[in-house]
Amino acid sequence: MLRMMLLLGTLLALIGVFVPASAAGTTPAPRVHVIVVDTMAYGPMPTGVHAGDIIEWVNHGILEHSATARDGSFDIDLKPGATVRSTATKGSVAFFCKFHPTMTATLVVM
């Protein structure tokens, strides 16, 4: 009986090694989506963003900016030349720059 259990355990371990990750039910690694701030504007919003993905905010401008969610879910300060990462959460969120309130955009996360 012990020998049979060891054999079964070995077989299961070997099968687990050769099962593709997608078939094994694991979630894919988060993707990185970049949002660039430059010339007093947010660049194009990325598409296909899923909850858990990484949003990389990059300020190419010479002024300080922010990405401040209207619903209060995030408030990211971006010094000139800074790069800041955050994790995307599901939903559609409007945001603006608290230093330049006319800078606005909406990020949609599935």
N, C-alpha and C. Protein backbone atom coordinates (compact mmCIF):
# COMPACT_ATOMS: atom_id res chain seq x y z
N MET A 1 0.83 -1.19 0.00
CA MET A 1 0.00 0.00 0.00
C MET A 1 0.88 1.26 0.00
N LEU A 2 1.90 1.30 0.85
CA LEU A 2 2.80 2.45 0.91
C LEU A 2 3.51 2.64 -0.42
N ARG A 3 3.93 1.53 -0.99
CA ARG A 3 4.63 1.59 -2.27
C ARG A 3 3.72 2.16 -3.36
N MET A 4 2.46 1.76 -3.34
CA MET A 4 1.51 2.25 -4.32
C MET A 4 1.27 3.76 -4.14
N MET A 5 1.20 4.21 -2.89
CA MET A 5 0.99 5.63 -2.63
C MET A 5 2.20 6.45 -3.09
N LEU A 6 3.41 5.91 -2.87
CA LEU A 6 4.61 6.60 -3.33
C LEU A 6 4.64 6.69 -4.85
N LEU A 7 4.26 5.62 -5.52
CA LEU A 7 4.23 5.59 -6.98
C LEU A 7 3.21 6.61 -7.50
N LEU A 8 2.03 6.64 -6.88
CA LEU A 8 0.99 7.58 -7.27
C LEU A 8 1.47 9.02 -7.04
N GLY A 9 2.09 9.29 -5.91
CA GLY A 9 2.61 10.62 -5.62
C GLY A 9 3.66 11.05 -6.63
N THR A 10 4.53 10.12 -7.01
CA THR A 10 5.56 10.42 -8.01
C THR A 10 4.94 10.73 -9.35
N LEU A 11 3.95 9.94 -9.75
CA LEU A 11 3.27 10.18 -11.01
C LEU A 11 2.57 11.54 -11.02
N LEU A 12 1.91 11.86 -9.95
CA LEU A 12 1.22 13.16 -9.87
C LEU A 12 2.22 14.30 -9.93
N ALA A 13 3.34 14.15 -9.27
CA ALA A 13 4.37 15.19 -9.30
C ALA A 13 4.92 15.36 -10.71
N LEU A 14 5.14 14.26 -11.42
CA LEU A 14 5.64 14.34 -12.80
C LEU A 14 4.62 14.99 -13.71
N ILE A 15 3.37 14.65 -13.56
CA ILE A 15 2.31 15.25 -14.39
C ILE A 15 2.24 16.74 -14.12
N GLY A 16 2.32 17.13 -12.87
CA GLY A 16 2.28 18.54 -12.51
C GLY A 16 3.40 19.33 -13.15
N VAL A 17 4.55 18.73 -13.34
CA VAL A 17 5.69 19.41 -13.94
C VAL A 17 5.45 19.68 -15.42
N PHE A 18 4.73 18.80 -16.10
CA PHE A 18 4.55 18.92 -17.54
C PHE A 18 3.23 19.55 -17.95
N VAL A 19 2.37 19.90 -17.03
CA VAL A 19 1.11 20.54 -17.37
C VAL A 19 1.39 22.02 -17.61
N PRO A 20 0.95 22.55 -18.76
CA PRO A 20 1.16 23.98 -19.01
C PRO A 20 0.50 24.82 -17.94
N ALA A 21 1.07 25.98 -17.65
CA ALA A 21 0.55 26.85 -16.58
C ALA A 21 -0.91 27.21 -16.82
N SER A 22 -1.28 27.47 -18.07
CA SER A 22 -2.67 27.86 -18.33
C SER A 22 -3.62 26.70 -18.04
N ALA A 23 -3.19 25.49 -18.28
CA ALA A 23 -4.03 24.33 -18.00
C ALA A 23 -4.05 24.01 -16.51
N ALA A 24 -3.04 24.43 -15.80
CA ALA A 24 -2.95 24.13 -14.37
C ALA A 24 -3.82 25.08 -13.54
N GLY A 25 -4.42 26.11 -14.19
CA GLY A 25 -5.30 27.01 -13.47
C GLY A 25 -4.60 28.18 -12.81
N THR A 26 -3.34 28.41 -13.13
CA THR A 26 -2.65 29.55 -12.53
C THR A 26 -3.01 30.82 -13.29
N THR A 27 -2.94 31.94 -12.63
CA THR A 27 -3.23 33.20 -13.29
C THR A 27 -1.97 33.72 -13.98
N PRO A 28 -2.16 34.39 -15.11
CA PRO A 28 -0.98 34.91 -15.81
C PRO A 28 -0.32 36.02 -15.01
N ALA A 29 0.93 36.23 -15.29
CA ALA A 29 1.67 37.31 -14.62
C ALA A 29 1.07 38.65 -15.02
N PRO A 30 1.07 39.62 -14.11
CA PRO A 30 0.51 40.92 -14.45
C PRO A 30 1.30 41.59 -15.57
N ARG A 31 0.57 42.28 -16.45
CA ARG A 31 1.20 43.04 -17.52
C ARG A 31 1.48 44.45 -17.03
N VAL A 32 2.46 45.10 -17.64
CA VAL A 32 2.79 46.48 -17.31
C VAL A 32 2.27 47.37 -18.43
N HIS A 33 1.48 48.39 -18.03
CA HIS A 33 0.93 49.37 -18.97
C HIS A 33 1.49 50.74 -18.58
N VAL A 34 1.96 51.48 -19.57
CA VAL A 34 2.62 52.76 -19.30
C VAL A 34 1.70 53.92 -19.68
N ILE A 35 1.59 54.87 -18.76
CA ILE A 35 0.89 56.13 -19.02
C ILE A 35 1.93 57.24 -18.88
N VAL A 36 2.15 57.96 -19.97
CA VAL A 36 3.15 59.02 -19.99
C VAL A 36 2.47 60.37 -19.81
N VAL A 37 3.07 61.21 -18.97
CA VAL A 37 2.63 62.59 -18.81
C VAL A 37 3.70 63.45 -19.47
N ASP A 38 3.25 64.29 -20.43
CA ASP A 38 4.19 65.15 -21.13
C ASP A 38 3.43 66.31 -21.74
N THR A 39 4.04 67.46 -21.79
CA THR A 39 3.46 68.65 -22.39
C THR A 39 2.07 68.94 -21.82
N MET A 40 1.95 68.89 -20.51
CA MET A 40 0.72 69.22 -19.80
C MET A 40 -0.48 68.35 -20.21
N ALA A 41 -0.20 67.06 -20.49
CA ALA A 41 -1.28 66.15 -20.87
C ALA A 41 -0.89 64.71 -20.53
N TYR A 42 -1.91 63.91 -20.29
CA TYR A 42 -1.70 62.47 -20.15
C TYR A 42 -1.68 61.87 -21.55
N GLY A 43 -0.77 60.93 -21.77
CA GLY A 43 -0.71 60.26 -23.06
C GLY A 43 -1.92 59.35 -23.23
N PRO A 44 -1.98 58.62 -24.33
CA PRO A 44 -3.11 57.73 -24.57
C PRO A 44 -3.26 56.71 -23.44
N MET A 45 -4.50 56.43 -23.08
CA MET A 45 -4.77 55.44 -22.05
C MET A 45 -4.57 54.04 -22.64
N PRO A 46 -3.94 53.17 -21.87
CA PRO A 46 -3.74 51.81 -22.35
C PRO A 46 -5.08 51.06 -22.43
N THR A 47 -5.15 50.11 -23.34
CA THR A 47 -6.34 49.27 -23.46
C THR A 47 -5.99 47.87 -23.00
N GLY A 48 -6.99 47.09 -22.67
CA GLY A 48 -6.76 45.71 -22.25
C GLY A 48 -6.16 45.60 -20.87
N VAL A 49 -6.39 46.57 -20.02
CA VAL A 49 -5.85 46.54 -18.65
C VAL A 49 -6.77 45.68 -17.80
N HIS A 50 -6.19 44.77 -17.06
CA HIS A 50 -6.95 43.88 -16.17
C HIS A 50 -6.57 44.17 -14.72
N ALA A 51 -7.52 43.91 -13.83
CA ALA A 51 -7.25 44.06 -12.40
C ALA A 51 -6.00 43.25 -12.05
N GLY A 52 -5.12 43.85 -11.30
CA GLY A 52 -3.86 43.20 -10.92
C GLY A 52 -2.70 43.56 -11.82
N ASP A 53 -2.99 44.13 -13.01
CA ASP A 53 -1.90 44.59 -13.88
C ASP A 53 -1.21 45.80 -13.23
N ILE A 54 -0.05 46.11 -13.72
CA ILE A 54 0.74 47.22 -13.20
C ILE A 54 0.57 48.43 -14.13
N ILE A 55 0.29 49.57 -13.53
CA ILE A 55 0.28 50.83 -14.27
C ILE A 55 1.57 51.56 -13.94
N GLU A 56 2.33 51.87 -14.95
CA GLU A 56 3.58 52.61 -14.77
C GLU A 56 3.34 54.05 -15.25
N TRP A 57 3.37 54.97 -14.32
CA TRP A 57 3.16 56.38 -14.58
C TRP A 57 4.53 57.02 -14.79
N VAL A 58 4.72 57.71 -15.93
CA VAL A 58 6.02 58.29 -16.25
C VAL A 58 5.82 59.77 -16.57
N ASN A 59 6.53 60.64 -15.85
CA ASN A 59 6.45 62.07 -16.09
C ASN A 59 7.66 62.51 -16.92
N HIS A 60 7.42 62.80 -18.20
CA HIS A 60 8.49 63.29 -19.08
C HIS A 60 8.59 64.81 -19.05
N GLY A 61 7.68 65.45 -18.34
CA GLY A 61 7.65 66.90 -18.30
C GLY A 61 8.65 67.48 -17.32
N ILE A 62 8.72 68.82 -17.32
CA ILE A 62 9.63 69.52 -16.41
C ILE A 62 8.90 70.03 -15.17
N LEU A 63 7.56 69.84 -15.15
CA LEU A 63 6.75 70.26 -14.01
C LEU A 63 6.27 69.05 -13.23
N GLU A 64 5.98 69.25 -11.96
CA GLU A 64 5.40 68.19 -11.15
C GLU A 64 3.94 68.00 -11.55
N HIS A 65 3.50 66.74 -11.60
CA HIS A 65 2.12 66.40 -11.92
C HIS A 65 1.64 65.36 -10.92
N SER A 66 0.37 65.01 -11.05
CA SER A 66 -0.18 63.91 -10.25
C SER A 66 -1.18 63.15 -11.10
N ALA A 67 -1.52 62.00 -10.63
CA ALA A 67 -2.66 61.22 -11.14
C ALA A 67 -3.52 61.00 -9.91
N THR A 68 -4.57 61.80 -9.79
CA THR A 68 -5.42 61.80 -8.60
C THR A 68 -6.82 61.34 -8.98
N ALA A 69 -7.22 60.19 -8.46
CA ALA A 69 -8.53 59.63 -8.79
C ALA A 69 -9.63 60.47 -8.17
N ARG A 70 -10.66 60.73 -8.94
CA ARG A 70 -11.80 61.51 -8.42
C ARG A 70 -12.52 60.77 -7.30
N ASP A 71 -12.46 59.43 -7.33
CA ASP A 71 -13.13 58.65 -6.27
C ASP A 71 -12.21 58.41 -5.07
N GLY A 72 -11.01 58.97 -5.09
CA GLY A 72 -10.09 58.83 -3.97
C GLY A 72 -9.33 57.51 -3.92
N SER A 73 -9.45 56.68 -4.95
CA SER A 73 -8.80 55.36 -4.91
C SER A 73 -7.29 55.41 -5.09
N PHE A 74 -6.76 56.49 -5.68
CA PHE A 74 -5.31 56.65 -5.75
C PHE A 74 -4.97 58.14 -5.89
N ASP A 75 -3.76 58.47 -5.48
CA ASP A 75 -3.23 59.82 -5.59
C ASP A 75 -1.72 59.70 -5.74
N ILE A 76 -1.27 59.77 -6.97
CA ILE A 76 0.13 59.51 -7.28
C ILE A 76 0.82 60.82 -7.66
N ASP A 77 1.84 61.18 -6.92
CA ASP A 77 2.63 62.37 -7.24
C ASP A 77 3.76 61.98 -8.18
N LEU A 78 3.94 62.82 -9.20
CA LEU A 78 4.95 62.55 -10.21
C LEU A 78 5.88 63.76 -10.34
N LYS A 79 6.99 63.69 -9.69
CA LYS A 79 8.00 64.74 -9.82
C LYS A 79 8.53 64.71 -11.26
N PRO A 80 9.16 65.79 -11.73
CA PRO A 80 9.73 65.78 -13.08
C PRO A 80 10.70 64.61 -13.25
N GLY A 81 10.51 63.85 -14.31
CA GLY A 81 11.37 62.70 -14.60
C GLY A 81 11.06 61.45 -13.81
N ALA A 82 10.05 61.49 -12.96
CA ALA A 82 9.74 60.35 -12.08
C ALA A 82 8.97 59.25 -12.81
N THR A 83 9.13 58.03 -12.30
CA THR A 83 8.35 56.88 -12.72
C THR A 83 7.81 56.24 -11.45
N VAL A 84 6.49 56.02 -11.42
CA VAL A 84 5.84 55.42 -10.25
C VAL A 84 4.95 54.29 -10.74
N ARG A 85 4.95 53.19 -10.01
CA ARG A 85 4.09 52.05 -10.37
C ARG A 85 2.96 51.89 -9.37
N SER A 86 1.80 51.48 -9.89
CA SER A 86 0.64 51.17 -9.05
C SER A 86 -0.04 49.94 -9.62
N THR A 87 -0.89 49.32 -8.81
CA THR A 87 -1.62 48.13 -9.24
C THR A 87 -3.03 48.53 -9.63
N ALA A 88 -3.47 48.06 -10.79
CA ALA A 88 -4.79 48.41 -11.31
C ALA A 88 -5.88 47.62 -10.58
N THR A 89 -6.98 48.31 -10.29
CA THR A 89 -8.15 47.67 -9.71
C THR A 89 -9.31 47.83 -10.68
N LYS A 90 -10.21 46.88 -10.66
CA LYS A 90 -11.30 46.83 -11.62
C LYS A 90 -12.20 48.05 -11.53
N GLY A 91 -12.61 48.54 -12.70
CA GLY A 91 -13.53 49.66 -12.76
C GLY A 91 -13.05 50.73 -13.73
N SER A 92 -13.87 51.74 -13.87
CA SER A 92 -13.55 52.89 -14.69
C SER A 92 -13.34 54.06 -13.75
N VAL A 93 -12.15 54.64 -13.77
CA VAL A 93 -11.87 55.70 -12.81
C VAL A 93 -11.37 56.95 -13.54
N ALA A 94 -12.06 58.04 -13.29
CA ALA A 94 -11.64 59.34 -13.81
C ALA A 94 -10.57 59.90 -12.88
N PHE A 95 -9.56 60.52 -13.47
CA PHE A 95 -8.50 61.11 -12.65
C PHE A 95 -8.06 62.44 -13.26
N PHE A 96 -7.32 63.21 -12.48
CA PHE A 96 -6.87 64.53 -12.90
C PHE A 96 -5.54 64.83 -12.24
N CYS A 97 -4.93 65.93 -12.65
CA CYS A 97 -3.70 66.39 -12.02
C CYS A 97 -4.09 67.45 -10.99
N LYS A 98 -3.75 67.23 -9.75
CA LYS A 98 -4.13 68.19 -8.70
C LYS A 98 -3.37 69.51 -8.82
N PHE A 99 -2.28 69.52 -9.56
CA PHE A 99 -1.52 70.75 -9.79
C PHE A 99 -2.03 71.51 -11.02
N HIS A 100 -2.65 70.77 -11.93
CA HIS A 100 -3.16 71.33 -13.19
C HIS A 100 -4.52 70.68 -13.48
N PRO A 101 -5.57 71.13 -12.82
CA PRO A 101 -6.88 70.46 -12.85
C PRO A 101 -7.52 70.30 -14.23
N THR A 102 -7.02 71.02 -15.23
CA THR A 102 -7.57 70.81 -16.58
C THR A 102 -7.03 69.54 -17.23
N MET A 103 -5.99 68.96 -16.66
CA MET A 103 -5.47 67.68 -17.16
C MET A 103 -6.36 66.58 -16.59
N THR A 104 -7.09 65.90 -17.46
CA THR A 104 -8.01 64.85 -17.03
C THR A 104 -7.91 63.64 -17.96
N ALA A 105 -8.31 62.49 -17.44
CA ALA A 105 -8.36 61.26 -18.24
C ALA A 105 -9.19 60.23 -17.47
N THR A 106 -9.48 59.14 -18.14
CA THR A 106 -10.21 58.03 -17.51
C THR A 106 -9.50 56.72 -17.86
N LEU A 107 -9.26 55.91 -16.86
CA LEU A 107 -8.63 54.60 -17.03
C LEU A 107 -9.70 53.52 -16.83
N VAL A 108 -9.80 52.61 -17.78
CA VAL A 108 -10.77 51.52 -17.70
C VAL A 108 -10.00 50.22 -17.44
N VAL A 109 -10.39 49.53 -16.35
CA VAL A 109 -9.73 48.29 -15.96
C VAL A 109 -10.78 47.18 -15.90
N MET A 110 -10.52 46.09 -16.62
CA MET A 110 -11.46 44.95 -16.66
C MET A 110 -11.23 44.00 -15.50
